[in-house]
Amino acid sequence: MKKIFAILVFGLMVGCEDSEKKFDVRSLQQSILDLQIVSVHDAFETSSVELKARIDVLGQDLSSTSLSAAQQAWKECAVNYSFTEIYNIGEVDGSRVHLGIYSWEALAESIEEIITGGIKELQINTLPTGSRGMAAIEYLLFAQQEAETLSLLQDTDRLSYLQLLGTNLVEKTQSLNALWQGQSTKFVENNANGLDGSINQIINRIINTLAIAKKLKIGIPAGLESTPVDSLALQADYSLYSLELIEANLQSISNLYFQEESSLSDYVASIIGNTEVNDEIKLAFQRVQSSIDQLNEPLATAIKNQPTEVNELKVQINNLIILFTVDVSSILSITVTPTDVDGD
């Protein structure tokens, strides 16, 4: 019996190896670069330029219309940023440029002290990450009601600080794009096994992004991680746009996994010889979206008013984590790296 079992296991291993050899991993990585990585980073850079333009218009016209346009531009920029997060790998990850772009928590006290102290010769890149980037811009555009925001922006130092932040954000998005252009060839050609392989890095970042959404973006703010309910712990708490950014994270993963040309789903199916796992993942994404659709208010209020529905969203995201951590990783021989936000 042991001999038979050994032969069966060996046959499965050989079958998997043959499937992997037949599947063109390099073409998969090229298609990920062309269809996903380039497009999402270009969209983010374009939206950052638009946000800066809206901030500049606001500086010339402190009106409700101009403020609303700048706020909308921030939201669109934040969504586009969320599509880039699963590609924070390799040299991009090592540069920590993402942290300089969006560190979530705006340091309100620090921001106000900077403004009070005057911004002459202010070097934005030397500031704490919570005093620059998307978080600081969000604070200046959304933290107060409209009338108070417009009144505060009559302070030339406050307005100039906002404009400097807009300029710095564009510079950061351009740096991010340049980093990806610099590592694009390496990404495509890298079919190494183990942690350094391109597909390995991508799958680990998918799992990490889902785990962050589950625990940090939902669980902790909603009081579902042995913590009190705290809307201030949400990403994008001032703009009340937390749920939309989670949705963008999830859509970016779905777009990547099921892209029309050579895809990760094709790779998985080629190894196991069927679409069963892909069908489960597709259904899991549908259930997550259904859970999102059940929330009929911003996440900041839903964590108090719809706790059951918020918990269901967390559960459905965890189901996705399990599928990628167990099924996909096993099939693709991925080495999953532990993080402090791993799914249960």
C-alpha atoms as a PDB file:
ATOM      1  CA  MET A   1       0.000   0.000   0.000  1.00  0.00           C
ATOM      2  CA  LYS A   2       2.838   2.412   0.828  1.00  0.00           C
ATOM      3  CA  LYS A   3       4.399   1.695  -2.582  1.00  0.00           C
ATOM      4  CA  ILE A   4       1.121   2.438  -4.367  1.00  0.00           C
ATOM      5  CA  PHE A   5       0.662   5.690  -2.417  1.00  0.00           C
ATOM      6  CA  ALA A   6       4.225   6.715  -3.207  1.00  0.00           C
ATOM      7  CA  ILE A   7       3.691   6.048  -6.897  1.00  0.00           C
ATOM      8  CA  LEU A   8       0.477   8.098  -6.893  1.00  0.00           C
ATOM      9  CA  VAL A   9       2.148  11.048  -5.145  1.00  0.00           C
ATOM     10  CA  PHE A  10       5.112  10.858  -7.494  1.00  0.00           C
ATOM     11  CA  GLY A  11       2.740  10.770 -10.482  1.00  0.00           C
ATOM     12  CA  LEU A  12       0.929  13.878  -9.223  1.00  0.00           C
ATOM     13  CA  MET A  13       4.213  15.700  -8.685  1.00  0.00           C
ATOM     14  CA  VAL A  14       5.423  14.806 -12.170  1.00  0.00           C
ATOM     15  CA  GLY A  15       2.063  15.869 -13.625  1.00  0.00           C
ATOM     16  CA  CYS A  16       2.331  19.242 -11.883  1.00  0.00           C
ATOM     17  CA  GLU A  17       5.896  19.696 -13.065  1.00  0.00           C
ATOM     18  CA  ASP A  18       4.872  18.882 -16.654  1.00  0.00           C
ATOM     19  CA  SER A  19       1.974  21.370 -16.481  1.00  0.00           C
ATOM     20  CA  GLU A  20       4.253  24.092 -15.148  1.00  0.00           C
ATOM     21  CA  LYS A  21       6.719  23.426 -17.947  1.00  0.00           C
ATOM     22  CA  LYS A  22       3.961  23.677 -20.577  1.00  0.00           C
ATOM     23  CA  PHE A  23       2.557  26.902 -19.131  1.00  0.00           C
ATOM     24  CA  ASP A  24       4.497  29.973 -20.238  1.00  0.00           C
ATOM     25  CA  VAL A  25       5.164  31.762 -16.947  1.00  0.00           C
ATOM     26  CA  ARG A  26       7.205  34.462 -18.665  1.00  0.00           C
ATOM     27  CA  SER A  27       4.236  35.346 -20.889  1.00  0.00           C
ATOM     28  CA  LEU A  28       2.029  35.453 -17.798  1.00  0.00           C
ATOM     29  CA  GLN A  29       4.390  37.897 -16.125  1.00  0.00           C
ATOM     30  CA  GLN A  30       4.585  40.012 -19.277  1.00  0.00           C
ATOM     31  CA  SER A  31       0.794  40.178 -19.479  1.00  0.00           C
ATOM     32  CA  ILE A  32       0.553  41.147 -15.786  1.00  0.00           C
ATOM     33  CA  LEU A  33       3.014  43.959 -16.472  1.00  0.00           C
ATOM     34  CA  ASP A  34       1.258  45.145 -19.646  1.00  0.00           C
ATOM     35  CA  LEU A  35      -2.380  44.739 -18.612  1.00  0.00           C
ATOM     36  CA  GLN A  36      -2.234  45.587 -14.923  1.00  0.00           C
ATOM     37  CA  ILE A  37       0.946  47.130 -13.557  1.00  0.00           C
ATOM     38  CA  VAL A  38       1.549  49.724 -16.266  1.00  0.00           C
ATOM     39  CA  SER A  39      -2.093  50.765 -16.553  1.00  0.00           C
ATOM     40  CA  VAL A  40      -2.797  51.152 -12.814  1.00  0.00           C
ATOM     41  CA  HIS A  41       0.371  53.154 -12.193  1.00  0.00           C
ATOM     42  CA  ASP A  42      -0.283  55.399 -15.187  1.00  0.00           C
ATOM     43  CA  ALA A  43      -3.841  55.980 -13.935  1.00  0.00           C
ATOM     44  CA  PHE A  44      -2.567  56.838 -10.463  1.00  0.00           C
ATOM     45  CA  GLU A  45      -0.006  59.305 -11.808  1.00  0.00           C
ATOM     46  CA  THR A  46      -2.631  60.935 -14.037  1.00  0.00           C
ATOM     47  CA  SER A  47      -5.066  61.277 -11.131  1.00  0.00           C
ATOM     48  CA  SER A  48      -2.359  62.799  -8.912  1.00  0.00           C
ATOM     49  CA  VAL A  49      -1.703  65.429 -11.586  1.00  0.00           C
ATOM     50  CA  GLU A  50      -5.435  66.128 -11.711  1.00  0.00           C
ATOM     51  CA  LEU A  51      -5.587  66.428  -7.917  1.00  0.00           C
ATOM     52  CA  LYS A  52      -2.736  68.940  -7.955  1.00  0.00           C
ATOM     53  CA  ALA A  53      -4.533  70.910 -10.674  1.00  0.00           C
ATOM     54  CA  ARG A  54      -7.754  70.980  -8.606  1.00  0.00           C
ATOM     55  CA  ILE A  55      -5.775  72.136  -5.548  1.00  0.00           C
ATOM     56  CA  ASP A  56      -4.210  74.934  -7.619  1.00  0.00           C
ATOM     57  CA  VAL A  57      -7.643  76.019  -8.846  1.00  0.00           C
ATOM     58  CA  LEU A  58      -8.865  76.017  -5.242  1.00  0.00           C
ATOM     59  CA  GLY A  59      -5.971  78.301  -4.370  1.00  0.00           C
ATOM     60  CA  GLN A  60      -7.171  80.808  -6.965  1.00  0.00           C
ATOM     61  CA  ASP A  61     -10.855  80.400  -6.165  1.00  0.00           C
ATOM     62  CA  LEU A  62     -11.784  79.569  -2.568  1.00  0.00           C
ATOM     63  CA  SER A  63     -15.319  78.520  -3.414  1.00  0.00           C
ATOM     64  CA  SER A  64     -17.630  75.626  -2.659  1.00  0.00           C
ATOM     65  CA  THR A  65     -17.377  74.470  -6.270  1.00  0.00           C
ATOM     66  CA  SER A  66     -13.578  74.435  -6.275  1.00  0.00           C
ATOM     67  CA  LEU A  67     -13.402  72.680  -2.911  1.00  0.00           C
ATOM     68  CA  SER A  68     -15.864  70.022  -4.044  1.00  0.00           C
ATOM     69  CA  ALA A  69     -13.823  69.432  -7.214  1.00  0.00           C
ATOM     70  CA  ALA A  70     -10.619  69.055  -5.190  1.00  0.00           C
ATOM     71  CA  GLN A  71     -12.322  66.632  -2.807  1.00  0.00           C
ATOM     72  CA  GLN A  72     -13.612  64.528  -5.698  1.00  0.00           C
ATOM     73  CA  ALA A  73     -10.152  64.530  -7.263  1.00  0.00           C
ATOM     74  CA  TRP A  74      -8.728  63.272  -3.960  1.00  0.00           C
ATOM     75  CA  LYS A  75     -11.229  60.405  -3.897  1.00  0.00           C
ATOM     76  CA  GLU A  76     -10.418  59.387  -7.465  1.00  0.00           C
ATOM     77  CA  CYS A  77      -6.703  59.573  -6.720  1.00  0.00           C
ATOM     78  CA  ALA A  78      -7.131  57.443  -3.582  1.00  0.00           C
ATOM     79  CA  VAL A  79      -9.063  54.801  -5.530  1.00  0.00           C
ATOM     80  CA  ASN A  80      -6.374  54.689  -8.199  1.00  0.00           C
ATOM     81  CA  TYR A  81      -3.718  54.389  -5.509  1.00  0.00           C
ATOM     82  CA  SER A  82      -5.604  51.428  -4.037  1.00  0.00           C
ATOM     83  CA  PHE A  83      -5.244  49.625  -7.369  1.00  0.00           C
ATOM     84  CA  THR A  84      -1.437  49.887  -7.088  1.00  0.00           C
ATOM     85  CA  GLU A  85      -1.084  48.407  -3.606  1.00  0.00           C
ATOM     86  CA  ILE A  86      -0.842  44.750  -4.688  1.00  0.00           C
ATOM     87  CA  TYR A  87       2.193  45.669  -6.797  1.00  0.00           C
ATOM     88  CA  ASN A  88       4.214  47.003  -3.870  1.00  0.00           C
ATOM     89  CA  ILE A  89       6.880  44.336  -4.369  1.00  0.00           C
ATOM     90  CA  GLY A  90      10.589  44.032  -5.090  1.00  0.00           C
ATOM     91  CA  GLU A  91      12.523  47.266  -5.420  1.00  0.00           C
ATOM     92  CA  VAL A  92       9.322  49.288  -5.098  1.00  0.00           C
ATOM     93  CA  ASP A  93       8.669  47.759  -1.695  1.00  0.00           C
ATOM     94  CA  GLY A  94      12.290  48.287  -0.683  1.00  0.00           C
ATOM     95  CA  SER A  95      12.119  51.981  -1.589  1.00  0.00           C
ATOM     96  CA  ARG A  96       9.187  52.514   0.836  1.00  0.00           C
ATOM     97  CA  VAL A  97       7.751  55.006  -1.638  1.00  0.00           C
ATOM     98  CA  HIS A  98       4.232  53.731  -0.858  1.00  0.00           C
ATOM     99  CA  LEU A  99       4.622  54.851   2.749  1.00  0.00           C
ATOM    100  CA  GLY A 100       5.504  58.352   1.566  1.00  0.00           C
ATOM    101  CA  ILE A 101       2.435  58.403  -0.675  1.00  0.00           C
ATOM    102  CA  TYR A 102      -0.218  57.207   1.756  1.00  0.00           C
ATOM    103  CA  SER A 103       0.440  56.259   5.365  1.00  0.00           C
ATOM    104  CA  TRP A 104      -3.297  56.375   6.253  1.00  0.00           C
ATOM    105  CA  GLU A 105      -3.233  58.269   9.523  1.00  0.00           C
ATOM    106  CA  ALA A 106      -2.921  62.032   9.204  1.00  0.00           C
ATOM    107  CA  LEU A 107      -0.988  63.569  12.099  1.00  0.00           C
ATOM    108  CA  ALA A 108      -3.430  66.412  12.705  1.00  0.00           C
ATOM    109  CA  GLU A 109      -1.485  68.013  15.541  1.00  0.00           C
ATOM    110  CA  SER A 110       1.758  67.891  13.567  1.00  0.00           C
ATOM    111  CA  ILE A 111       0.070  69.370  10.489  1.00  0.00           C
ATOM    112  CA  GLU A 112      -1.360  72.265  12.487  1.00  0.00           C
ATOM    113  CA  GLU A 113       2.007  72.915  14.143  1.00  0.00           C
ATOM    114  CA  ILE A 114       3.716  73.020  10.746  1.00  0.00           C
ATOM    115  CA  ILE A 115       1.190  75.565   9.495  1.00  0.00           C
ATOM    116  CA  THR A 116       1.433  77.679  12.643  1.00  0.00           C
ATOM    117  CA  GLY A 117       5.215  77.672  12.471  1.00  0.00           C
ATOM    118  CA  GLY A 118       5.225  78.904   8.883  1.00  0.00           C
ATOM    119  CA  ILE A 119       6.166  76.926   5.803  1.00  0.00           C
ATOM    120  CA  LYS A 120       8.973  79.056   4.384  1.00  0.00           C
ATOM    121  CA  GLU A 121      11.692  76.734   3.032  1.00  0.00           C
ATOM    122  CA  LEU A 122       9.648  73.755   4.194  1.00  0.00           C
ATOM    123  CA  GLN A 123      11.064  70.440   2.909  1.00  0.00           C
ATOM    124  CA  ILE A 124       8.068  68.145   2.489  1.00  0.00           C
ATOM    125  CA  ASN A 125      10.129  64.944   2.265  1.00  0.00           C
ATOM    126  CA  THR A 126      11.621  65.566   5.717  1.00  0.00           C
ATOM    127  CA  LEU A 127       8.214  65.578   7.397  1.00  0.00           C
ATOM    128  CA  PRO A 128       6.690  62.545   9.135  1.00  0.00           C
ATOM    129  CA  THR A 129       4.725  60.443   6.629  1.00  0.00           C
ATOM    130  CA  GLY A 130       1.481  61.325   8.430  1.00  0.00           C
ATOM    131  CA  SER A 131       2.137  65.014   7.706  1.00  0.00           C
ATOM    132  CA  ARG A 132       2.450  64.588   3.942  1.00  0.00           C
ATOM    133  CA  GLY A 133       1.041  62.535   1.101  1.00  0.00           C
ATOM    134  CA  MET A 134      -2.570  61.496   0.595  1.00  0.00           C
ATOM    135  CA  ALA A 135      -3.360  61.448   4.323  1.00  0.00           C
ATOM    136  CA  ALA A 136      -2.326  65.064   4.926  1.00  0.00           C
ATOM    137  CA  ILE A 137      -4.133  66.277   1.808  1.00  0.00           C
ATOM    138  CA  GLU A 138      -7.266  64.459   2.941  1.00  0.00           C
ATOM    139  CA  TYR A 139      -7.046  66.138   6.333  1.00  0.00           C
ATOM    140  CA  LEU A 140      -6.768  69.631   4.848  1.00  0.00           C
ATOM    141  CA  LEU A 141      -9.638  69.048   2.408  1.00  0.00           C
ATOM    142  CA  PHE A 142     -12.077  67.046   4.540  1.00  0.00           C
ATOM    143  CA  ALA A 143     -11.405  67.396   8.292  1.00  0.00           C
ATOM    144  CA  GLN A 144     -13.749  70.354   8.782  1.00  0.00           C
ATOM    145  CA  GLN A 145     -17.121  71.276   7.369  1.00  0.00           C
ATOM    146  CA  GLU A 146     -17.113  73.132   4.052  1.00  0.00           C
ATOM    147  CA  ALA A 147     -17.471  76.673   5.379  1.00  0.00           C
ATOM    148  CA  GLU A 148     -14.742  76.188   7.988  1.00  0.00           C
ATOM    149  CA  THR A 149     -12.415  74.534   5.467  1.00  0.00           C
ATOM    150  CA  LEU A 150     -12.747  77.471   3.083  1.00  0.00           C
ATOM    151  CA  SER A 151     -12.238  79.922   5.923  1.00  0.00           C
ATOM    152  CA  LEU A 152      -9.105  78.137   7.160  1.00  0.00           C
ATOM    153  CA  LEU A 153      -7.651  78.036   3.653  1.00  0.00           C
ATOM    154  CA  GLN A 154      -7.628  81.826   3.595  1.00  0.00           C
ATOM    155  CA  ASP A 155      -4.487  81.418   5.701  1.00  0.00           C
ATOM    156  CA  THR A 156      -1.767  81.647   3.048  1.00  0.00           C
ATOM    157  CA  ASP A 157       0.510  79.242   4.919  1.00  0.00           C
ATOM    158  CA  ARG A 158      -2.229  76.607   5.090  1.00  0.00           C
ATOM    159  CA  LEU A 159      -3.031  77.005   1.417  1.00  0.00           C
ATOM    160  CA  SER A 160       0.633  76.960   0.402  1.00  0.00           C
ATOM    161  CA  TYR A 161       1.188  73.836   2.472  1.00  0.00           C
ATOM    162  CA  LEU A 162      -1.703  72.131   0.657  1.00  0.00           C
ATOM    163  CA  GLN A 163      -0.233  73.148  -2.701  1.00  0.00           C
ATOM    164  CA  LEU A 164       3.212  71.877  -1.720  1.00  0.00           C
ATOM    165  CA  LEU A 165       1.656  68.573  -0.712  1.00  0.00           C
ATOM    166  CA  GLY A 166      -0.020  68.334  -4.113  1.00  0.00           C
ATOM    167  CA  THR A 167       3.280  68.953  -5.891  1.00  0.00           C
ATOM    168  CA  ASN A 168       5.098  66.431  -3.708  1.00  0.00           C
ATOM    169  CA  LEU A 169       2.431  63.799  -4.351  1.00  0.00           C
ATOM    170  CA  VAL A 170       2.912  64.129  -8.113  1.00  0.00           C
ATOM    171  CA  GLU A 171       6.665  63.758  -7.631  1.00  0.00           C
ATOM    172  CA  LYS A 172       6.084  60.620  -5.561  1.00  0.00           C
ATOM    173  CA  THR A 173       3.759  59.052  -8.149  1.00  0.00           C
ATOM    174  CA  GLN A 174       6.313  59.790 -10.852  1.00  0.00           C
ATOM    175  CA  SER A 175       9.009  58.149  -8.717  1.00  0.00           C
ATOM    176  CA  LEU A 176       6.766  55.118  -8.223  1.00  0.00           C
ATOM    177  CA  ASN A 177       6.216  54.842 -11.968  1.00  0.00           C
ATOM    178  CA  ALA A 178       9.938  55.207 -12.628  1.00  0.00           C
ATOM    179  CA  LEU A 179      10.723  52.464 -10.112  1.00  0.00           C
ATOM    180  CA  TRP A 180       8.363  50.086 -11.891  1.00  0.00           C
ATOM    181  CA  GLN A 181       9.806  50.976 -15.266  1.00  0.00           C
ATOM    182  CA  GLY A 182      13.239  50.224 -13.835  1.00  0.00           C
ATOM    183  CA  GLN A 183      12.251  46.793 -12.476  1.00  0.00           C
ATOM    184  CA  SER A 184       9.856  45.778 -15.275  1.00  0.00           C
ATOM    185  CA  THR A 185      12.345  43.618 -17.182  1.00  0.00           C
ATOM    186  CA  LYS A 186      13.445  41.871 -14.009  1.00  0.00           C
ATOM    187  CA  PHE A 187       9.813  41.193 -13.109  1.00  0.00           C
ATOM    188  CA  VAL A 188       9.073  39.633 -16.489  1.00  0.00           C
ATOM    189  CA  GLU A 189      12.247  37.537 -16.679  1.00  0.00           C
ATOM    190  CA  ASN A 190      12.211  36.402 -13.046  1.00  0.00           C
ATOM    191  CA  ASN A 191      10.777  32.887 -12.889  1.00  0.00           C
ATOM    192  CA  ALA A 192      12.782  31.869  -9.832  1.00  0.00           C
ATOM    193  CA  ASN A 193      11.301  29.477  -7.327  1.00  0.00           C
ATOM    194  CA  GLY A 194      10.946  30.558  -3.703  1.00  0.00           C
ATOM    195  CA  LEU A 195      10.409  33.946  -2.135  1.00  0.00           C
ATOM    196  CA  ASP A 196      12.148  36.015  -4.812  1.00  0.00           C
ATOM    197  CA  GLY A 197      10.109  34.729  -7.773  1.00  0.00           C
ATOM    198  CA  SER A 198       7.769  37.278  -9.371  1.00  0.00           C
ATOM    199  CA  ILE A 199       4.638  35.124  -9.037  1.00  0.00           C
ATOM    200  CA  ASN A 200       5.576  34.283  -5.463  1.00  0.00           C
ATOM    201  CA  GLN A 201       5.869  37.973  -4.618  1.00  0.00           C
ATOM    202  CA  ILE A 202       2.557  38.773  -6.305  1.00  0.00           C
ATOM    203  CA  ILE A 203       0.614  36.024  -4.511  1.00  0.00           C
ATOM    204  CA  ASN A 204       2.100  37.025  -1.160  1.00  0.00           C
ATOM    205  CA  ARG A 205       1.138  40.651  -1.765  1.00  0.00           C
ATOM    206  CA  ILE A 206      -2.411  39.588  -2.654  1.00  0.00           C
ATOM    207  CA  ILE A 207      -2.670  37.671   0.618  1.00  0.00           C
ATOM    208  CA  ASN A 208      -1.149  40.570   2.551  1.00  0.00           C
ATOM    209  CA  THR A 209      -3.521  43.107   0.967  1.00  0.00           C
ATOM    210  CA  LEU A 210      -6.542  40.951   1.820  1.00  0.00           C
ATOM    211  CA  ALA A 211      -5.297  40.436   5.377  1.00  0.00           C
ATOM    212  CA  ILE A 212      -4.793  44.185   5.841  1.00  0.00           C
ATOM    213  CA  ALA A 213      -8.325  44.812   4.562  1.00  0.00           C
ATOM    214  CA  LYS A 214      -9.755  42.198   6.895  1.00  0.00           C
ATOM    215  CA  LYS A 215      -7.963  43.212  10.073  1.00  0.00           C
ATOM    216  CA  LEU A 216      -6.713  46.793   9.800  1.00  0.00           C
ATOM    217  CA  LYS A 217      -9.305  48.313   7.474  1.00  0.00           C
ATOM    218  CA  ILE A 218     -12.338  46.514   8.937  1.00  0.00           C
ATOM    219  CA  GLY A 219     -11.666  44.355  11.995  1.00  0.00           C
ATOM    220  CA  ILE A 220      -9.911  46.803  14.309  1.00  0.00           C
ATOM    221  CA  PRO A 221     -12.062  49.890  13.498  1.00  0.00           C
ATOM    222  CA  ALA A 222     -15.243  47.800  13.785  1.00  0.00           C
ATOM    223  CA  GLY A 223     -14.239  46.373  17.171  1.00  0.00           C
ATOM    224  CA  LEU A 224     -14.001  42.837  15.783  1.00  0.00           C
ATOM    225  CA  GLU A 225     -10.424  42.178  16.927  1.00  0.00           C
ATOM    226  CA  SER A 226     -10.935  42.457  20.702  1.00  0.00           C
ATOM    227  CA  THR A 227     -10.835  46.222  20.261  1.00  0.00           C
ATOM    228  CA  PRO A 228     -13.418  48.950  20.866  1.00  0.00           C
ATOM    229  CA  VAL A 229     -15.269  50.381  17.878  1.00  0.00           C
ATOM    230  CA  ASP A 230     -13.155  53.274  16.600  1.00  0.00           C
ATOM    231  CA  SER A 231     -14.035  55.005  13.332  1.00  0.00           C
ATOM    232  CA  LEU A 232     -10.848  57.086  13.627  1.00  0.00           C
ATOM    233  CA  ALA A 233      -8.851  53.895  13.007  1.00  0.00           C
ATOM    234  CA  LEU A 234     -10.339  53.624   9.520  1.00  0.00           C
ATOM    235  CA  GLN A 235      -8.422  54.418   6.399  1.00  0.00           C
ATOM    236  CA  ALA A 236      -9.830  57.599   4.795  1.00  0.00           C
ATOM    237  CA  ASP A 237     -11.857  58.433   7.905  1.00  0.00           C
ATOM    238  CA  TYR A 238     -12.131  62.175   7.152  1.00  0.00           C
ATOM    239  CA  SER A 239     -13.458  61.662   3.622  1.00  0.00           C
ATOM    240  CA  LEU A 240     -15.754  58.778   4.651  1.00  0.00           C
ATOM    241  CA  TYR A 241     -14.341  56.850   1.701  1.00  0.00           C
ATOM    242  CA  SER A 242     -12.992  53.781   3.494  1.00  0.00           C
ATOM    243  CA  LEU A 243     -15.313  51.227   1.930  1.00  0.00           C
ATOM    244  CA  GLU A 244     -14.640  52.420  -1.609  1.00  0.00           C
ATOM    245  CA  LEU A 245     -10.895  51.973  -1.115  1.00  0.00           C
ATOM    246  CA  ILE A 246     -11.379  48.437   0.210  1.00  0.00           C
ATOM    247  CA  GLU A 247     -13.563  47.732  -2.815  1.00  0.00           C
ATOM    248  CA  ALA A 248     -10.801  49.038  -5.096  1.00  0.00           C
ATOM    249  CA  ASN A 249      -8.276  46.726  -3.399  1.00  0.00           C
ATOM    250  CA  LEU A 250     -10.547  43.763  -4.033  1.00  0.00           C
ATOM    251  CA  GLN A 251     -11.250  44.756  -7.626  1.00  0.00           C
ATOM    252  CA  SER A 252      -7.528  45.076  -8.319  1.00  0.00           C
ATOM    253  CA  ILE A 253      -6.991  41.496  -7.120  1.00  0.00           C
ATOM    254  CA  SER A 254      -9.884  40.177  -9.194  1.00  0.00           C
ATOM    255  CA  ASN A 255      -8.656  42.052 -12.264  1.00  0.00           C
ATOM    256  CA  LEU A 256      -5.205  40.557 -11.822  1.00  0.00           C
ATOM    257  CA  TYR A 257      -6.298  36.993 -11.142  1.00  0.00           C
ATOM    258  CA  PHE A 258      -8.872  36.782 -13.928  1.00  0.00           C
ATOM    259  CA  GLN A 259      -7.307  39.079 -16.551  1.00  0.00           C
ATOM    260  CA  GLU A 260      -8.380  38.280 -20.108  1.00  0.00           C
ATOM    261  CA  GLU A 261      -5.023  37.236 -21.518  1.00  0.00           C
ATOM    262  CA  SER A 262      -2.608  34.800 -19.850  1.00  0.00           C
ATOM    263  CA  SER A 263      -3.663  34.942 -16.196  1.00  0.00           C
ATOM    264  CA  LEU A 264      -3.047  33.494 -12.777  1.00  0.00           C
ATOM    265  CA  SER A 265      -6.357  31.657 -13.087  1.00  0.00           C
ATOM    266  CA  ASP A 266      -5.112  30.066 -16.324  1.00  0.00           C
ATOM    267  CA  TYR A 267      -1.911  29.043 -14.566  1.00  0.00           C
ATOM    268  CA  VAL A 268      -3.824  27.382 -11.728  1.00  0.00           C
ATOM    269  CA  ALA A 269      -6.182  25.593 -14.120  1.00  0.00           C
ATOM    270  CA  SER A 270      -3.275  24.337 -16.232  1.00  0.00           C
ATOM    271  CA  ILE A 271      -1.750  22.580 -13.229  1.00  0.00           C
ATOM    272  CA  ILE A 272      -4.836  20.940 -11.725  1.00  0.00           C
ATOM    273  CA  GLY A 273      -6.552  20.322 -15.054  1.00  0.00           C
ATOM    274  CA  ASN A 274      -9.886  21.958 -14.161  1.00  0.00           C
ATOM    275  CA  THR A 275     -11.462  25.256 -13.084  1.00  0.00           C
ATOM    276  CA  GLU A 276     -12.784  24.167  -9.684  1.00  0.00           C
ATOM    277  CA  VAL A 277     -10.523  26.427  -7.612  1.00  0.00           C
ATOM    278  CA  ASN A 278     -11.058  29.351 -10.002  1.00  0.00           C
ATOM    279  CA  ASP A 279     -14.817  28.855  -9.738  1.00  0.00           C
ATOM    280  CA  GLU A 280     -14.568  28.951  -5.942  1.00  0.00           C
ATOM    281  CA  ILE A 281     -12.501  32.138  -6.076  1.00  0.00           C
ATOM    282  CA  LYS A 282     -14.949  33.775  -8.477  1.00  0.00           C
ATOM    283  CA  LEU A 283     -17.828  32.880  -6.161  1.00  0.00           C
ATOM    284  CA  ALA A 284     -15.883  34.206  -3.169  1.00  0.00           C
ATOM    285  CA  PHE A 285     -15.383  37.556  -4.911  1.00  0.00           C
ATOM    286  CA  GLN A 286     -19.116  37.687  -5.680  1.00  0.00           C
ATOM    287  CA  ARG A 287     -19.924  37.055  -2.020  1.00  0.00           C
ATOM    288  CA  VAL A 288     -17.544  39.792  -0.924  1.00  0.00           C
ATOM    289  CA  GLN A 289     -19.169  42.214  -3.340  1.00  0.00           C
ATOM    290  CA  SER A 290     -22.607  41.205  -2.093  1.00  0.00           C
ATOM    291  CA  SER A 291     -21.453  41.929   1.470  1.00  0.00           C
ATOM    292  CA  ILE A 292     -20.212  45.359   0.397  1.00  0.00           C
ATOM    293  CA  ASP A 293     -23.528  46.066  -1.316  1.00  0.00           C
ATOM    294  CA  GLN A 294     -25.358  45.296   1.938  1.00  0.00           C
ATOM    295  CA  LEU A 295     -23.707  48.319   3.558  1.00  0.00           C
ATOM    296  CA  ASN A 296     -25.941  51.247   2.687  1.00  0.00           C
ATOM    297  CA  GLU A 297     -23.858  53.903   4.436  1.00  0.00           C
ATOM    298  CA  PRO A 298     -20.187  54.849   4.869  1.00  0.00           C
ATOM    299  CA  LEU A 299     -18.106  52.300   6.762  1.00  0.00           C
ATOM    300  CA  ALA A 300     -17.496  54.906   9.485  1.00  0.00           C
ATOM    301  CA  THR A 301     -21.162  54.724  10.489  1.00  0.00           C
ATOM    302  CA  ALA A 302     -21.838  51.156   9.333  1.00  0.00           C
ATOM    303  CA  ILE A 303     -19.446  49.778  11.978  1.00  0.00           C
ATOM    304  CA  LYS A 304     -21.915  51.137  14.551  1.00  0.00           C
ATOM    305  CA  ASN A 305     -25.233  50.825  12.714  1.00  0.00           C
ATOM    306  CA  GLN A 306     -24.684  47.597  10.735  1.00  0.00           C
ATOM    307  CA  PRO A 307     -22.277  45.502  12.832  1.00  0.00           C
ATOM    308  CA  THR A 308     -23.646  42.163  11.563  1.00  0.00           C
ATOM    309  CA  GLU A 309     -23.184  43.152   7.932  1.00  0.00           C
ATOM    310  CA  VAL A 310     -19.700  44.529   8.591  1.00  0.00           C
ATOM    311  CA  ASN A 311     -18.704  41.295  10.306  1.00  0.00           C
ATOM    312  CA  GLU A 312     -20.042  39.342   7.313  1.00  0.00           C
ATOM    313  CA  LEU A 313     -17.802  41.368   5.011  1.00  0.00           C
ATOM    314  CA  LYS A 314     -14.833  40.491   7.221  1.00  0.00           C
ATOM    315  CA  VAL A 315     -15.801  36.804   7.096  1.00  0.00           C
ATOM    316  CA  GLN A 316     -16.099  36.792   3.312  1.00  0.00           C
ATOM    317  CA  ILE A 317     -12.707  38.474   2.889  1.00  0.00           C
ATOM    318  CA  ASN A 318     -11.243  35.822   5.195  1.00  0.00           C
ATOM    319  CA  ASN A 319     -12.664  33.151   2.883  1.00  0.00           C
ATOM    320  CA  LEU A 320     -10.717  34.727   0.042  1.00  0.00           C
ATOM    321  CA  ILE A 321      -7.577  34.754   2.184  1.00  0.00           C
ATOM    322  CA  ILE A 322      -7.961  31.007   2.791  1.00  0.00           C
ATOM    323  CA  LEU A 323      -8.397  30.289  -0.922  1.00  0.00           C
ATOM    324  CA  PHE A 324      -5.223  32.175  -1.830  1.00  0.00           C
ATOM    325  CA  THR A 325      -3.200  31.057   1.186  1.00  0.00           C
ATOM    326  CA  VAL A 326      -4.119  27.362   0.998  1.00  0.00           C
ATOM    327  CA  ASP A 327      -5.395  26.446  -2.478  1.00  0.00           C
ATOM    328  CA  VAL A 328      -3.641  28.825  -4.868  1.00  0.00           C
ATOM    329  CA  SER A 329      -0.378  28.828  -2.937  1.00  0.00           C
ATOM    330  CA  SER A 330      -0.319  25.035  -2.763  1.00  0.00           C
ATOM    331  CA  ILE A 331      -1.073  24.603  -6.461  1.00  0.00           C
ATOM    332  CA  LEU A 332       1.533  27.151  -7.552  1.00  0.00           C
ATOM    333  CA  SER A 333       4.090  26.001  -4.940  1.00  0.00           C
ATOM    334  CA  ILE A 334       4.142  29.442  -3.355  1.00  0.00           C
ATOM    335  CA  THR A 335       6.108  30.056  -0.172  1.00  0.00           C
ATOM    336  CA  VAL A 336       3.708  32.133   1.929  1.00  0.00           C
ATOM    337  CA  THR A 337       5.492  34.597   4.184  1.00  0.00           C
ATOM    338  CA  PRO A 338       3.861  35.231   7.583  1.00  0.00           C
ATOM    339  CA  THR A 339       2.667  38.715   8.502  1.00  0.00           C
ATOM    340  CA  ASP A 340       1.119  40.132  11.658  1.00  0.00           C
ATOM    341  CA  VAL A 341      -2.170  40.564   9.799  1.00  0.00           C
ATOM    342  CA  ASP A 342      -2.535  37.006   8.492  1.00  0.00           C
ATOM    343  CA  GLY A 343      -6.037  35.632   8.150  1.00  0.00           C
ATOM    344  CA  ASP A 344      -7.191  33.239  10.855  1.00  0.00           C
END
